Amino acid sequence: MSTSKETIAYLLEQLEPLDVRTRAMFGEYGLYCDDKIVAFVCDDTLFVKPTDIAEEYSDATYLAPAYPGSKDYYAVPDDKLADTEWLHEFVQRTADVLPAPKPKTAKKKPVTKKPPTTR
């Protein structure tokens, strides 16, 4: 089962006016705040990255893999998605403690040699 576009629209609406966006990845979605990936949305569930801050907003009973083979993330219960104040704090504070993304380096073009021309 995959995440519906309605779920993504709802989450983005709930998180306004935070600087958030989603990006399709792994057949599901990544949630970015301040250009840092703070969560995944898989099977219509928001999974927030585990940090020391996350422990203030959730407990270990909500730890679960976001997708098969992933490490555990904090699954946000549906009733907490409606609590915009709580959700804003959780997402923003998580982004605040995560490191800035590494700048992407430009890929070097492979050097191709042209065969010598004969005249």
Protein backbone atom coordinates (compact mmCIF):
# COMPACT_ATOMS: atom_id res chain seq x y z
CA MET A 1 0.00 0.00 0.00
CA SER A 2 1.32 3.46 -0.78
CA THR A 3 0.63 6.91 0.60
CA SER A 4 -2.22 8.84 -0.99
CA LYS A 5 -1.80 12.33 -2.37
CA GLU A 6 -4.63 13.37 -0.04
CA THR A 7 -2.51 12.37 2.97
CA ILE A 8 0.40 14.45 1.70
CA ALA A 9 -1.88 17.45 1.08
CA TYR A 10 -3.34 17.08 4.59
CA LEU A 11 0.12 16.90 6.22
CA LEU A 12 1.36 19.96 4.34
CA GLU A 13 -1.80 21.84 5.34
CA GLN A 14 -1.33 20.84 8.98
CA LEU A 15 2.29 22.00 8.91
CA GLU A 16 1.62 25.47 7.46
CA PRO A 17 3.35 27.95 7.82
CA LEU A 18 6.52 25.90 8.47
CA ASP A 19 9.11 25.70 5.69
CA VAL A 20 8.19 22.14 4.68
CA ARG A 21 7.95 20.21 1.46
CA THR A 22 7.63 16.60 0.42
CA ARG A 23 9.48 14.64 -2.20
CA ALA A 24 8.54 11.31 -3.70
CA MET A 25 11.16 8.68 -2.88
CA PHE A 26 11.34 4.92 -2.44
CA GLY A 27 7.76 4.71 -3.73
CA GLU A 28 6.66 6.83 -0.75
CA TYR A 29 7.57 10.36 0.45
CA GLY A 30 10.26 12.20 2.36
CA LEU A 31 9.26 15.23 4.45
CA TYR A 32 11.72 18.11 4.53
CA CYS A 33 11.77 21.01 6.96
CA ASP A 34 14.31 23.79 6.43
CA ASP A 35 15.80 21.62 3.64
CA LYS A 36 16.53 18.79 6.10
CA ILE A 37 14.79 15.45 5.80
CA VAL A 38 12.98 15.06 9.11
CA ALA A 39 10.48 12.31 8.35
CA PHE A 40 9.09 9.81 5.90
CA VAL A 41 5.46 9.31 4.98
CA CYS A 42 4.82 5.64 4.28
CA ASP A 43 1.48 3.85 4.05
CA ASP A 44 -0.26 7.11 5.05
CA THR A 45 1.72 7.29 8.31
CA LEU A 46 4.18 10.02 9.33
CA PHE A 47 7.47 8.56 10.64
CA VAL A 48 9.74 11.16 12.30
CA LYS A 49 13.49 10.62 12.55
CA PRO A 50 14.66 9.49 15.97
CA THR A 51 16.48 12.27 17.87
CA ASP A 52 16.77 13.30 21.50
CA ILE A 53 13.99 15.79 20.78
CA ALA A 54 11.70 13.04 19.45
CA GLU A 55 11.85 11.34 22.83
CA GLU A 56 10.17 14.42 24.34
CA TYR A 57 7.20 14.04 21.97
CA SER A 58 6.81 10.29 21.79
CA ASP A 59 7.91 7.11 23.47
CA ALA A 60 9.43 3.83 22.40
CA THR A 61 6.01 2.22 21.91
CA TYR A 62 5.68 4.28 18.72
CA LEU A 63 9.01 3.16 17.25
CA ALA A 64 8.54 1.22 14.03
CA PRO A 65 10.25 0.79 10.67
CA ALA A 66 8.97 3.27 8.07
CA TYR A 67 9.44 0.72 5.30
CA PRO A 68 10.75 -2.86 5.12
CA GLY A 69 14.38 -2.95 6.14
CA SER A 70 14.52 0.59 7.55
CA LYS A 71 15.64 1.53 11.01
CA ASP A 72 12.96 2.53 13.52
CA TYR A 73 11.29 5.94 13.37
CA TYR A 74 8.62 7.52 15.56
CA ALA A 75 5.21 6.79 14.04
CA VAL A 76 2.93 9.76 14.71
CA PRO A 77 -0.56 8.65 15.78
CA ASP A 78 -3.44 10.04 13.71
CA ASP A 79 -4.88 12.00 16.66
CA LYS A 80 -1.57 13.88 17.02
CA LEU A 81 -1.66 14.95 13.36
CA ALA A 82 -4.72 17.05 14.18
CA ASP A 83 -2.87 18.84 17.02
CA THR A 84 -1.11 21.44 14.86
CA GLU A 85 0.73 23.12 17.74
CA TRP A 86 2.22 19.81 18.86
CA LEU A 87 2.99 18.75 15.28
CA HIS A 88 4.66 22.09 14.40
CA GLU A 89 6.88 21.89 17.48
CA PHE A 90 7.81 18.27 16.89
CA VAL A 91 8.75 18.77 13.22
CA GLN A 92 10.51 22.13 13.69
CA ARG A 93 12.50 21.06 16.75
CA THR A 94 13.53 17.87 14.98
CA ALA A 95 14.79 19.94 12.03
CA ASP A 96 16.61 22.27 14.41
CA VAL A 97 18.72 19.45 15.90
CA LEU A 98 19.53 17.71 12.62
CA PRO A 99 22.75 18.67 10.83
CA ALA A 100 22.60 20.80 7.70
CA PRO A 101 22.59 18.78 4.51
CA LYS A 102 25.96 18.30 2.87
CA PRO A 103 26.42 20.42 -0.23
CA LYS A 104 26.21 18.40 -3.41
CA THR A 105 29.36 18.25 -5.43
CA ALA A 106 29.26 18.62 -9.17
CA LYS A 107 29.89 15.41 -11.01
CA LYS A 108 33.00 15.41 -13.10
CA LYS A 109 32.48 14.73 -16.76
CA PRO A 110 34.44 11.72 -17.96
CA VAL A 111 37.34 12.59 -20.21
CA THR A 112 36.89 11.11 -23.64
CA LYS A 113 39.69 11.06 -26.11
CA LYS A 114 38.94 11.69 -29.71
CA PRO A 115 40.75 9.51 -32.18
CA PRO A 116 43.44 11.36 -34.10
CA THR A 117 42.32 12.68 -37.43
CA THR A 118 44.39 11.91 -40.48
CA ARG A 119 44.66 14.20 -43.47
